[in-house]
C-alpha atoms as a PDB file:
ATOM      1  CA  UNK A   1      -0.300-145.355 -62.971  1.00  0.00           C
ATOM      2  CA  UNK A   2      -0.606-145.783 -59.210  1.00  0.00           C
ATOM      3  CA  UNK A   3       0.834-142.336 -58.491  1.00  0.00           C
ATOM      4  CA  UNK A   4      -2.217-140.513 -59.899  1.00  0.00           C
ATOM      5  CA  UNK A   5      -4.668-141.648 -57.179  1.00  0.00           C
ATOM      6  CA  UNK A   6      -2.018-140.888 -54.543  1.00  0.00           C
ATOM      7  CA  UNK A   7      -1.737-137.313 -55.828  1.00  0.00           C
ATOM      8  CA  UNK A   8      -5.508-136.904 -55.645  1.00  0.00           C
ATOM      9  CA  UNK A   9      -5.597-138.237 -52.099  1.00  0.00           C
ATOM     10  CA  UNK A  10      -2.708-135.971 -51.086  1.00  0.00           C
ATOM     11  CA  UNK A  11      -4.348-132.930 -52.685  1.00  0.00           C
ATOM     12  CA  UNK A  12      -7.633-133.718 -50.951  1.00  0.00           C
ATOM     13  CA  UNK A  13      -5.856-133.998 -47.601  1.00  0.00           C
ATOM     14  CA  UNK A  14      -4.004-130.716 -48.129  1.00  0.00           C
ATOM     15  CA  UNK A  15      -7.205-128.893 -49.113  1.00  0.00           C
ATOM     16  CA  UNK A  16      -8.979-130.308 -46.081  1.00  0.00           C
ATOM     17  CA  UNK A  17      -6.100-129.279 -43.829  1.00  0.00           C
ATOM     18  CA  UNK A  18      -6.047-125.735 -45.251  1.00  0.00           C
ATOM     19  CA  UNK A  19      -9.800-125.430 -44.849  1.00  0.00           C
ATOM     20  CA  UNK A  20      -9.513-126.589 -41.236  1.00  0.00           C
ATOM     21  CA  UNK A  21      -6.742-124.087 -40.544  1.00  0.00           C
ATOM     22  CA  UNK A  22      -8.786-121.263 -42.066  1.00  0.00           C
ATOM     23  CA  UNK A  23     -11.827-122.246 -40.018  1.00  0.00           C
ATOM     24  CA  UNK A  24      -9.740-122.361 -36.824  1.00  0.00           C
ATOM     25  CA  UNK A  25      -8.283-118.950 -37.655  1.00  0.00           C
ATOM     26  CA  UNK A  26     -11.781-117.567 -38.251  1.00  0.00           C
ATOM     27  CA  UNK A  27     -12.985-118.926 -34.898  1.00  0.00           C
ATOM     28  CA  UNK A  28      -9.920-117.507 -33.161  1.00  0.00           C
ATOM     29  CA  UNK A  29     -10.556-114.058 -34.649  1.00  0.00           C
ATOM     30  CA  UNK A  30     -14.181-114.308 -33.610  1.00  0.00           C
ATOM     31  CA  UNK A  31     -13.152-115.120 -30.041  1.00  0.00           C
ATOM     32  CA  UNK A  32     -10.664-112.239 -29.980  1.00  0.00           C
ATOM     33  CA  UNK A  33     -12.890-109.645 -31.681  1.00  0.00           C
ATOM     34  CA  UNK A  34     -13.801-107.859 -28.424  1.00  0.00           C
ATOM     35  CA  UNK A  35     -10.139-107.655 -27.420  1.00  0.00           C
ATOM     36  CA  UNK A  36      -9.328-106.210 -30.847  1.00  0.00           C
ATOM     37  CA  UNK A  37     -12.065-103.585 -30.496  1.00  0.00           C
ATOM     38  CA  UNK A  38     -11.058-102.674 -26.926  1.00  0.00           C
ATOM     39  CA  UNK A  39      -7.453-102.263 -27.995  1.00  0.00           C
ATOM     40  CA  UNK A  40      -8.666 -99.932 -30.754  1.00  0.00           C
ATOM     41  CA  UNK A  41     -10.630 -97.869 -28.219  1.00  0.00           C
ATOM     42  CA  UNK A  42      -7.532 -97.569 -26.016  1.00  0.00           C
ATOM     43  CA  UNK A  43      -5.421 -96.445 -28.974  1.00  0.00           C
ATOM     44  CA  UNK A  44      -8.040 -93.866 -29.985  1.00  0.00           C
ATOM     45  CA  UNK A  45      -8.137 -92.416 -26.464  1.00  0.00           C
ATOM     46  CA  UNK A  46      -4.349 -92.297 -26.498  1.00  0.00           C
ATOM     47  CA  UNK A  47      -4.316 -90.304 -29.720  1.00  0.00           C
ATOM     48  CA  UNK A  48      -3.002 -93.151 -31.889  1.00  0.00           C
ATOM     49  CA  UNK A  49      -5.741 -92.659 -34.462  1.00  0.00           C
ATOM     50  CA  UNK A  50      -4.280 -94.618 -37.388  1.00  0.00           C
ATOM     51  CA  UNK A  51      -3.685 -97.690 -35.234  1.00  0.00           C
ATOM     52  CA  UNK A  52      -7.169 -97.388 -33.750  1.00  0.00           C
ATOM     53  CA  UNK A  53      -8.833 -97.152 -37.161  1.00  0.00           C
ATOM     54  CA  UNK A  54      -6.925-100.213 -38.356  1.00  0.00           C
ATOM     55  CA  UNK A  55      -8.174-102.283 -35.420  1.00  0.00           C
ATOM     56  CA  UNK A  56     -11.706-100.866 -35.728  1.00  0.00           C
ATOM     57  CA  UNK A  57     -11.799-101.862 -39.395  1.00  0.00           C
ATOM     58  CA  UNK A  58     -10.539-105.338 -38.531  1.00  0.00           C
ATOM     59  CA  UNK A  59     -13.250-105.706 -35.882  1.00  0.00           C
ATOM     60  CA  UNK A  60     -16.031-104.633 -38.271  1.00  0.00           C
ATOM     61  CA  UNK A  61     -14.681-106.980 -40.963  1.00  0.00           C
ATOM     62  CA  UNK A  62     -14.753-109.903 -38.511  1.00  0.00           C
ATOM     63  CA  UNK A  63     -18.390-109.109 -37.707  1.00  0.00           C
ATOM     64  CA  UNK A  64     -19.299-108.858 -41.396  1.00  0.00           C
ATOM     65  CA  UNK A  65     -17.677-112.244 -42.042  1.00  0.00           C
ATOM     66  CA  UNK A  66     -19.379-113.776 -38.999  1.00  0.00           C
ATOM     67  CA  UNK A  67     -22.823-112.449 -39.928  1.00  0.00           C
ATOM     68  CA  UNK A  68     -22.192-112.998 -43.676  1.00  0.00           C
ATOM     69  CA  UNK A  69     -23.448-109.511 -44.535  1.00  0.00           C
ATOM     70  CA  UNK A  70     -20.946-108.437 -47.160  1.00  0.00           C
ATOM     71  CA  UNK A  71     -18.995-105.193 -46.981  1.00  0.00           C
ATOM     72  CA  UNK A  72     -20.986-102.375 -45.385  1.00  0.00           C
ATOM     73  CA  UNK A  73     -24.011-104.587 -44.753  1.00  0.00           C
ATOM     74  CA  UNK A  74     -23.763-104.869 -40.969  1.00  0.00           C
ATOM     75  CA  UNK A  75     -26.904-103.666 -39.222  1.00  0.00           C
ATOM     76  CA  UNK A  76     -28.647-103.892 -35.834  1.00  0.00           C
ATOM     77  CA  UNK A  77     -30.956-106.580 -37.237  1.00  0.00           C
ATOM     78  CA  UNK A  78     -28.011-108.989 -37.114  1.00  0.00           C
ATOM     79  CA  UNK A  79     -27.847-108.807 -33.301  1.00  0.00           C
ATOM     80  CA  UNK A  80     -30.127-109.640 -30.392  1.00  0.00           C
ATOM     81  CA  UNK A  81     -31.082-106.316 -28.805  1.00  0.00           C
ATOM     82  CA  UNK A  82     -30.823-107.787 -25.282  1.00  0.00           C
ATOM     83  CA  UNK A  83     -28.221-110.554 -25.428  1.00  0.00           C
ATOM     84  CA  UNK A  84     -25.844-108.580 -27.654  1.00  0.00           C
ATOM     85  CA  UNK A  85     -26.278-105.193 -25.960  1.00  0.00           C
ATOM     86  CA  UNK A  86     -22.598-104.889 -25.024  1.00  0.00           C
ATOM     87  CA  UNK A  87     -21.608-105.608 -28.625  1.00  0.00           C
ATOM     88  CA  UNK A  88     -24.047-103.058 -30.095  1.00  0.00           C
ATOM     89  CA  UNK A  89     -22.819-100.404 -27.642  1.00  0.00           C
ATOM     90  CA  UNK A  90     -19.273-101.132 -28.781  1.00  0.00           C
ATOM     91  CA  UNK A  91     -20.236-100.966 -32.469  1.00  0.00           C
ATOM     92  CA  UNK A  92     -22.103 -97.684 -31.939  1.00  0.00           C
ATOM     93  CA  UNK A  93     -19.059 -96.186 -30.215  1.00  0.00           C
ATOM     94  CA  UNK A  94     -16.752 -97.299 -33.014  1.00  0.00           C
ATOM     95  CA  UNK A  95     -18.973 -95.743 -35.686  1.00  0.00           C
ATOM     96  CA  UNK A  96     -19.025 -92.564 -33.569  1.00  0.00           C
ATOM     97  CA  UNK A  97     -15.225 -92.441 -33.526  1.00  0.00           C
ATOM     98  CA  UNK A  98     -15.149 -93.000 -37.294  1.00  0.00           C
ATOM     99  CA  UNK A  99     -17.690 -90.174 -37.754  1.00  0.00           C
ATOM    100  CA  UNK A 100     -15.597 -87.667 -35.796  1.00  0.00           C
ATOM    101  CA  UNK A 101     -12.476 -88.712 -37.655  1.00  0.00           C
ATOM    102  CA  UNK A 102     -14.028 -88.178 -41.099  1.00  0.00           C
ATOM    103  CA  UNK A 103     -15.581 -84.919 -39.921  1.00  0.00           C
ATOM    104  CA  UNK A 104     -12.030 -83.507 -39.792  1.00  0.00           C
ATOM    105  CA  UNK A 105     -11.338 -84.411 -43.424  1.00  0.00           C
ATOM    106  CA  UNK A 106     -11.500 -81.623 -45.985  1.00  0.00           C
ATOM    107  CA  UNK A 107     -11.445 -84.032 -48.939  1.00  0.00           C
ATOM    108  CA  UNK A 108     -14.756 -83.920 -50.847  1.00  0.00           C
ATOM    109  CA  UNK A 109     -14.456 -87.599 -51.773  1.00  0.00           C
ATOM    110  CA  UNK A 110     -14.560 -88.556 -48.069  1.00  0.00           C
ATOM    111  CA  UNK A 111     -17.856 -86.789 -47.393  1.00  0.00           C
ATOM    112  CA  UNK A 112     -19.663 -89.978 -48.432  1.00  0.00           C
ATOM    113  CA  UNK A 113     -17.659 -91.891 -45.810  1.00  0.00           C
ATOM    114  CA  UNK A 114     -18.747 -89.426 -43.139  1.00  0.00           C
ATOM    115  CA  UNK A 115     -22.400 -89.851 -44.112  1.00  0.00           C
ATOM    116  CA  UNK A 116     -22.001 -93.634 -44.111  1.00  0.00           C
ATOM    117  CA  UNK A 117     -20.538 -93.745 -40.600  1.00  0.00           C
ATOM    118  CA  UNK A 118     -23.122 -91.326 -39.215  1.00  0.00           C
ATOM    119  CA  UNK A 119     -25.899 -93.457 -40.704  1.00  0.00           C
ATOM    120  CA  UNK A 120     -24.400 -96.521 -39.047  1.00  0.00           C
ATOM    121  CA  UNK A 121     -24.063 -94.626 -35.760  1.00  0.00           C
ATOM    122  CA  UNK A 122     -27.737 -93.720 -35.875  1.00  0.00           C
ATOM    123  CA  UNK A 123     -28.729 -97.278 -36.866  1.00  0.00           C
ATOM    124  CA  UNK A 124     -26.827 -98.803 -33.944  1.00  0.00           C
ATOM    125  CA  UNK A 125     -28.144 -96.213 -31.455  1.00  0.00           C
ATOM    126  CA  UNK A 126     -31.788 -95.580 -32.328  1.00  0.00           C
ATOM    127  CA  UNK A 127     -34.204 -97.657 -30.305  1.00  0.00           C
ATOM    128  CA  UNK A 128     -31.522 -98.961 -27.939  1.00  0.00           C
ATOM    129  CA  UNK A 129     -31.425 -98.167 -24.192  1.00  0.00           C
ATOM    130  CA  UNK A 130     -28.374 -95.979 -24.743  1.00  0.00           C
ATOM    131  CA  UNK A 131     -30.041 -93.771 -27.384  1.00  0.00           C
ATOM    132  CA  UNK A 132     -30.175 -90.769 -24.996  1.00  0.00           C
ATOM    133  CA  UNK A 133     -26.402 -91.056 -24.456  1.00  0.00           C
ATOM    134  CA  UNK A 134     -25.818 -91.234 -28.216  1.00  0.00           C
ATOM    135  CA  UNK A 135     -27.967 -88.150 -28.702  1.00  0.00           C
ATOM    136  CA  UNK A 136     -26.118 -86.333 -25.902  1.00  0.00           C
ATOM    137  CA  UNK A 137     -22.761 -87.151 -27.535  1.00  0.00           C
ATOM    138  CA  UNK A 138     -24.003 -85.484 -30.730  1.00  0.00           C
ATOM    139  CA  UNK A 139     -25.321 -82.467 -28.820  1.00  0.00           C
ATOM    140  CA  UNK A 140     -22.006 -81.967 -27.028  1.00  0.00           C
ATOM    141  CA  UNK A 141     -20.017 -82.336 -30.238  1.00  0.00           C
ATOM    142  CA  UNK A 142     -22.228 -79.878 -32.104  1.00  0.00           C
ATOM    143  CA  UNK A 143     -21.871 -77.458 -29.209  1.00  0.00           C
ATOM    144  CA  UNK A 144     -18.089 -77.871 -28.929  1.00  0.00           C
ATOM    145  CA  UNK A 145     -17.207 -75.675 -31.906  1.00  0.00           C
ATOM    146  CA  UNK A 146     -15.099 -78.491 -33.390  1.00  0.00           C
ATOM    147  CA  UNK A 147     -17.767 -79.868 -35.720  1.00  0.00           C
ATOM    148  CA  UNK A 148     -16.915 -79.147 -39.371  1.00  0.00           C
ATOM    149  CA  UNK A 149     -19.900 -80.711 -41.159  1.00  0.00           C
ATOM    150  CA  UNK A 150     -22.712 -79.425 -38.978  1.00  0.00           C
ATOM    151  CA  UNK A 151     -25.450 -80.261 -41.504  1.00  0.00           C
ATOM    152  CA  UNK A 152     -24.598 -83.963 -41.381  1.00  0.00           C
ATOM    153  CA  UNK A 153     -24.332 -84.068 -37.591  1.00  0.00           C
ATOM    154  CA  UNK A 154     -27.579 -82.094 -37.242  1.00  0.00           C
ATOM    155  CA  UNK A 155     -29.230 -84.778 -39.371  1.00  0.00           C
ATOM    156  CA  UNK A 156     -27.967 -87.489 -37.014  1.00  0.00           C
ATOM    157  CA  UNK A 157     -29.090 -85.491 -33.973  1.00  0.00           C
ATOM    158  CA  UNK A 158     -32.531 -85.064 -35.460  1.00  0.00           C
ATOM    159  CA  UNK A 159     -32.802 -88.820 -36.087  1.00  0.00           C
ATOM    160  CA  UNK A 160     -32.076 -89.491 -32.399  1.00  0.00           C
ATOM    161  CA  UNK A 161     -34.020 -86.460 -31.162  1.00  0.00           C
ATOM    162  CA  UNK A 162     -37.001 -88.124 -29.565  1.00  0.00           C
ATOM    163  CA  UNK A 163     -39.053 -85.583 -27.639  1.00  0.00           C
ATOM    164  CA  UNK A 164     -37.700 -82.203 -28.672  1.00  0.00           C
ATOM    165  CA  UNK A 165     -38.454 -78.640 -29.611  1.00  0.00           C
ATOM    166  CA  UNK A 166     -40.472 -79.701 -32.659  1.00  0.00           C
ATOM    167  CA  UNK A 167     -40.600 -76.436 -34.603  1.00  0.00           C
ATOM    168  CA  UNK A 168     -36.926 -75.653 -33.973  1.00  0.00           C
ATOM    169  CA  UNK A 169     -36.028 -79.156 -35.117  1.00  0.00           C
ATOM    170  CA  UNK A 170     -38.140 -78.728 -38.250  1.00  0.00           C
ATOM    171  CA  UNK A 171     -35.863 -75.753 -38.944  1.00  0.00           C
ATOM    172  CA  UNK A 172     -32.668 -77.448 -37.785  1.00  0.00           C
ATOM    173  CA  UNK A 173     -30.865 -76.785 -41.092  1.00  0.00           C
ATOM    174  CA  UNK A 174     -31.928 -73.108 -41.150  1.00  0.00           C
ATOM    175  CA  UNK A 175     -30.907 -72.277 -37.584  1.00  0.00           C
ATOM    176  CA  UNK A 176     -27.527 -71.982 -35.930  1.00  0.00           C
ATOM    177  CA  UNK A 177     -26.837 -74.672 -33.383  1.00  0.00           C
ATOM    178  CA  UNK A 178     -26.618 -72.070 -30.607  1.00  0.00           C
ATOM    179  CA  UNK A 179     -30.244 -71.061 -31.358  1.00  0.00           C
ATOM    180  CA  UNK A 180     -31.470 -74.607 -30.781  1.00  0.00           C
ATOM    181  CA  UNK A 181     -29.355 -74.883 -27.632  1.00  0.00           C
ATOM    182  CA  UNK A 182     -30.851 -71.650 -26.313  1.00  0.00           C
ATOM    183  CA  UNK A 183     -34.412 -72.846 -26.874  1.00  0.00           C
ATOM    184  CA  UNK A 184     -33.782 -76.240 -25.278  1.00  0.00           C
ATOM    185  CA  UNK A 185     -32.039 -74.609 -22.324  1.00  0.00           C
ATOM    186  CA  UNK A 186     -34.940 -72.174 -21.880  1.00  0.00           C
ATOM    187  CA  UNK A 187     -37.365 -75.104 -21.857  1.00  0.00           C
ATOM    188  CA  UNK A 188     -35.347 -77.231 -19.408  1.00  0.00           C
ATOM    189  CA  UNK A 189     -33.999 -74.578 -17.022  1.00  0.00           C
ATOM    190  CA  UNK A 190     -36.682 -71.872 -17.046  1.00  0.00           C
ATOM    191  CA  UNK A 191     -40.082 -73.163 -18.171  1.00  0.00           C
ATOM    192  CA  UNK A 192     -39.777 -76.610 -16.587  1.00  0.00           C
ATOM    193  CA  UNK A 193     -39.190 -75.023 -13.143  1.00  0.00           C
ATOM    194  CA  UNK A 194     -42.336 -72.863 -13.186  1.00  0.00           C
ATOM    195  CA  UNK A 195     -45.946 -74.045 -13.020  1.00  0.00           C
ATOM    196  CA  UNK A 196     -47.041 -71.733 -15.837  1.00  0.00           C
ATOM    197  CA  UNK A 197     -43.994 -72.849 -17.825  1.00  0.00           C
ATOM    198  CA  UNK A 198     -44.852 -76.537 -17.466  1.00  0.00           C
ATOM    199  CA  UNK A 199     -48.355 -75.752 -18.694  1.00  0.00           C
ATOM    200  CA  UNK A 200     -46.867 -73.931 -21.664  1.00  0.00           C
ATOM    201  CA  UNK A 201     -44.647 -76.933 -22.449  1.00  0.00           C
ATOM    202  CA  UNK A 202     -47.639 -79.313 -22.353  1.00  0.00           C
ATOM    203  CA  UNK A 203     -49.635 -77.050 -24.656  1.00  0.00           C
ATOM    204  CA  UNK A 204     -46.670 -76.714 -27.009  1.00  0.00           C
ATOM    205  CA  UNK A 205     -46.247 -80.481 -27.306  1.00  0.00           C
ATOM    206  CA  UNK A 206     -49.935 -80.827 -28.134  1.00  0.00           C
ATOM    207  CA  UNK A 207     -50.108 -78.266 -30.931  1.00  0.00           C
ATOM    208  CA  UNK A 208     -46.573 -78.112 -32.373  1.00  0.00           C
ATOM    209  CA  UNK A 209     -46.036 -81.595 -33.964  1.00  0.00           C
ATOM    210  CA  UNK A 210     -48.508 -81.073 -36.850  1.00  0.00           C
ATOM    211  CA  UNK A 211     -47.195 -77.511 -37.329  1.00  0.00           C
ATOM    212  CA  UNK A 212     -43.624 -78.813 -37.486  1.00  0.00           C
ATOM    213  CA  UNK A 213     -44.586 -81.469 -40.047  1.00  0.00           C
ATOM    214  CA  UNK A 214     -46.192 -78.781 -42.193  1.00  0.00           C
ATOM    215  CA  UNK A 215     -43.113 -76.560 -41.940  1.00  0.00           C
ATOM    216  CA  UNK A 216     -40.886 -79.422 -43.113  1.00  0.00           C
ATOM    217  CA  UNK A 217     -42.830 -79.502 -46.405  1.00  0.00           C
ATOM    218  CA  UNK A 218     -42.198 -75.801 -47.091  1.00  0.00           C
ATOM    219  CA  UNK A 219     -39.578 -74.694 -49.628  1.00  0.00           C
ATOM    220  CA  UNK A 220     -36.283 -73.838 -47.990  1.00  0.00           C
ATOM    221  CA  UNK A 221     -36.567 -70.056 -48.635  1.00  0.00           C
ATOM    222  CA  UNK A 222     -39.807 -69.999 -46.632  1.00  0.00           C
ATOM    223  CA  UNK A 223     -38.204 -71.967 -43.800  1.00  0.00           C
ATOM    224  CA  UNK A 224     -35.260 -69.563 -43.794  1.00  0.00           C
ATOM    225  CA  UNK A 225     -37.584 -66.563 -43.448  1.00  0.00           C
ATOM    226  CA  UNK A 226     -39.434 -68.201 -40.542  1.00  0.00           C
ATOM    227  CA  UNK A 227     -36.164 -69.073 -38.835  1.00  0.00           C
ATOM    228  CA  UNK A 228     -34.697 -65.576 -39.213  1.00  0.00           C
ATOM    229  CA  UNK A 229     -37.835 -63.542 -38.510  1.00  0.00           C
ATOM    230  CA  UNK A 230     -39.425 -65.529 -35.681  1.00  0.00           C
ATOM    231  CA  UNK A 231     -37.533 -68.471 -34.185  1.00  0.00           C
ATOM    232  CA  UNK A 232     -34.091 -66.872 -33.927  1.00  0.00           C
ATOM    233  CA  UNK A 233     -35.398 -63.709 -32.181  1.00  0.00           C
ATOM    234  CA  UNK A 234     -37.204 -65.948 -29.671  1.00  0.00           C
ATOM    235  CA  UNK A 235     -33.976 -67.877 -29.083  1.00  0.00           C
ATOM    236  CA  UNK A 236     -32.062 -64.629 -28.538  1.00  0.00           C
ATOM    237  CA  UNK A 237     -34.747 -63.355 -26.175  1.00  0.00           C
ATOM    238  CA  UNK A 238     -34.623 -66.610 -24.171  1.00  0.00           C
ATOM    239  CA  UNK A 239     -30.938 -65.992 -23.447  1.00  0.00           C
ATOM    240  CA  UNK A 240     -31.908 -63.066 -21.211  1.00  0.00           C
ATOM    241  CA  UNK A 241     -33.346 -65.431 -18.633  1.00  0.00           C
ATOM    242  CA  UNK A 242     -31.026 -66.637 -15.880  1.00  0.00           C
END
């Protein structure tokens, strides 16, 4: 008869001990999360992609458990934009590495993963002080010739675009990336260095935003015609300038 209460007490003590151990393990992982992420970054740079992805996934899982977001629910709203800036930079970089990895995949079922990681990359970059760097990383990757899913990366670039060539960006899916690069280069290296060019840029930024918004509502065939008949020839012409 007396053994029954003893079993209950013992079970209660064991459960309490296990819960304490799990909590200590959780706190230890939380303390080591930055080390885990940094080790993943080092592995990625060293070409050990599988090991890097494993550590990246572990890091994101720790954050999801810490913030109690559930799988895939981690967002910038769970962090202080000033106090947690180092952490958000790290998260953005990890989602960028994931995006480039899944860009290489030819499996149709992994296209959704690519879109997911690009969306997270945009979410953890847009509105932060390092947004221009995130945008530049996209620009360089699109211009490298290695990008396989240009439509998806163009979308991300457009989300982080800020001040840009509005009409060209309204036609970003109808133009080749080299056309957009040519127009931006013409703006930055030719027009911006001439008084008449700076005046032209100011006028363009005044009148083009509503035009670009209107173009975005057009059916795709109409946008394709505009891109091929007007914008692309201008881009090709701009290449003649030194």
